[in-house]
Amino acid sequence: MSETTVAATITVRVNGDPREIPAGLCVAGLLEHLDLHPRMIVVEHNGEILRREQLEEAAVNEGDQLELVHFVGGG
């Protein structure tokens, strides 16, 4: 009988840089892990721009590529 080992972390690319993050996160969970507020970020996940309502549904998997763009106010 063999046991399946579940990785505690996975590696993804965030804004071009490799990052080790906890396994099992959705995109909203990743933003929380990175201390980012979802209302201030636009997320591109594997080439697709996500709407805010998709952040809870989109799972982050090993090797995924995410671009996070911060809104900056001012004038």
C-alpha atoms as a PDB file:
ATOM      1  CA  MET A   1       0.000   0.000   0.000  1.00  0.00           C
ATOM      2  CA  SER A   2       1.424   3.408  -0.951  1.00  0.00           C
ATOM      3  CA  GLU A   3       0.706   6.738   0.638  1.00  0.00           C
ATOM      4  CA  THR A   4       0.075   9.871  -1.371  1.00  0.00           C
ATOM      5  CA  THR A   5       2.107  12.830  -0.217  1.00  0.00           C
ATOM      6  CA  VAL A   6       0.481  16.239  -0.539  1.00  0.00           C
ATOM      7  CA  ALA A   7       2.845  19.143  -1.082  1.00  0.00           C
ATOM      8  CA  ALA A   8       2.683  21.797   1.617  1.00  0.00           C
ATOM      9  CA  THR A   9       3.826  24.445  -0.851  1.00  0.00           C
ATOM     10  CA  ILE A  10       3.784  24.989  -4.597  1.00  0.00           C
ATOM     11  CA  THR A  11       5.810  27.265  -6.853  1.00  0.00           C
ATOM     12  CA  VAL A  12       4.088  29.836  -9.053  1.00  0.00           C
ATOM     13  CA  ARG A  13       5.266  32.920 -10.921  1.00  0.00           C
ATOM     14  CA  VAL A  14       3.973  36.235  -9.617  1.00  0.00           C
ATOM     15  CA  ASN A  15       4.831  39.213 -11.830  1.00  0.00           C
ATOM     16  CA  GLY A  16       7.584  37.120 -13.409  1.00  0.00           C
ATOM     17  CA  ASP A  17       9.233  36.033 -10.163  1.00  0.00           C
ATOM     18  CA  PRO A  18       9.028  32.494  -8.734  1.00  0.00           C
ATOM     19  CA  ARG A  19       7.211  32.378  -5.382  1.00  0.00           C
ATOM     20  CA  GLU A  20       6.600  29.504  -3.027  1.00  0.00           C
ATOM     21  CA  ILE A  21       3.077  29.644  -1.630  1.00  0.00           C
ATOM     22  CA  PRO A  22       0.883  27.329   0.442  1.00  0.00           C
ATOM     23  CA  ALA A  23      -0.784  24.628  -1.660  1.00  0.00           C
ATOM     24  CA  GLY A  24      -4.562  24.676  -2.042  1.00  0.00           C
ATOM     25  CA  LEU A  25      -5.128  28.424  -2.344  1.00  0.00           C
ATOM     26  CA  CYS A  26      -7.606  30.098  -4.642  1.00  0.00           C
ATOM     27  CA  VAL A  27      -6.614  33.451  -6.171  1.00  0.00           C
ATOM     28  CA  ALA A  28      -8.469  35.331  -3.391  1.00  0.00           C
ATOM     29  CA  GLY A  29      -6.508  33.290  -0.829  1.00  0.00           C
ATOM     30  CA  LEU A  30      -3.257  34.119  -2.616  1.00  0.00           C
ATOM     31  CA  LEU A  31      -4.038  37.837  -2.457  1.00  0.00           C
ATOM     32  CA  GLU A  32      -4.774  37.496   1.261  1.00  0.00           C
ATOM     33  CA  HIS A  33      -1.528  35.525   1.741  1.00  0.00           C
ATOM     34  CA  LEU A  34       0.345  38.382   0.025  1.00  0.00           C
ATOM     35  CA  ASP A  35      -1.501  41.013   2.153  1.00  0.00           C
ATOM     36  CA  LEU A  36      -3.118  42.547  -0.937  1.00  0.00           C
ATOM     37  CA  HIS A  37      -6.655  43.938  -1.030  1.00  0.00           C
ATOM     38  CA  PRO A  38      -8.632  42.431  -3.955  1.00  0.00           C
ATOM     39  CA  ARG A  39     -10.380  45.734  -4.699  1.00  0.00           C
ATOM     40  CA  MET A  40      -7.007  47.365  -5.396  1.00  0.00           C
ATOM     41  CA  ILE A  41      -5.624  44.631  -7.682  1.00  0.00           C
ATOM     42  CA  VAL A  42      -6.286  43.438 -11.223  1.00  0.00           C
ATOM     43  CA  VAL A  43      -5.325  39.767 -11.598  1.00  0.00           C
ATOM     44  CA  GLU A  44      -4.221  38.014 -14.769  1.00  0.00           C
ATOM     45  CA  HIS A  45      -4.140  34.265 -14.135  1.00  0.00           C
ATOM     46  CA  ASN A  46      -2.436  32.170 -16.830  1.00  0.00           C
ATOM     47  CA  GLY A  47      -3.144  34.848 -19.437  1.00  0.00           C
ATOM     48  CA  GLU A  48      -6.790  35.468 -18.469  1.00  0.00           C
ATOM     49  CA  ILE A  49      -7.922  38.597 -16.630  1.00  0.00           C
ATOM     50  CA  LEU A  50     -10.170  37.572 -13.751  1.00  0.00           C
ATOM     51  CA  ARG A  51     -13.296  39.429 -12.632  1.00  0.00           C
ATOM     52  CA  ARG A  52     -13.572  39.949  -8.887  1.00  0.00           C
ATOM     53  CA  GLU A  53     -16.283  37.305  -8.591  1.00  0.00           C
ATOM     54  CA  GLN A  54     -13.874  34.744 -10.113  1.00  0.00           C
ATOM     55  CA  LEU A  55     -11.167  35.237  -7.473  1.00  0.00           C
ATOM     56  CA  GLU A  56     -12.780  32.767  -5.028  1.00  0.00           C
ATOM     57  CA  GLU A  57     -13.328  30.152  -7.757  1.00  0.00           C
ATOM     58  CA  ALA A  58      -9.952  30.179  -9.521  1.00  0.00           C
ATOM     59  CA  ALA A  59      -7.574  27.620  -7.978  1.00  0.00           C
ATOM     60  CA  VAL A  60      -3.844  28.367  -7.967  1.00  0.00           C
ATOM     61  CA  ASN A  61      -1.820  25.350  -9.096  1.00  0.00           C
ATOM     62  CA  GLU A  62       1.852  24.443  -9.431  1.00  0.00           C
ATOM     63  CA  GLY A  63       3.454  26.397 -12.281  1.00  0.00           C
ATOM     64  CA  ASP A  64       0.663  28.955 -12.678  1.00  0.00           C
ATOM     65  CA  GLN A  65       1.585  32.438 -13.844  1.00  0.00           C
ATOM     66  CA  LEU A  66      -0.055  35.448 -12.258  1.00  0.00           C
ATOM     67  CA  GLU A  67       0.321  39.121 -13.006  1.00  0.00           C
ATOM     68  CA  LEU A  68      -0.906  41.416 -10.246  1.00  0.00           C
ATOM     69  CA  VAL A  69      -1.432  45.066 -11.154  1.00  0.00           C
ATOM     70  CA  HIS A  70      -2.005  47.553  -8.331  1.00  0.00           C
ATOM     71  CA  PHE A  71      -4.345  50.527  -8.749  1.00  0.00           C
ATOM     72  CA  VAL A  72      -2.712  53.769  -7.715  1.00  0.00           C
ATOM     73  CA  GLY A  73      -4.822  56.862  -7.084  1.00  0.00           C
ATOM     74  CA  GLY A  74      -3.785  60.422  -7.217  1.00  0.00           C
ATOM     75  CA  GLY A  75      -3.888  63.416  -9.414  1.00  0.00           C
END
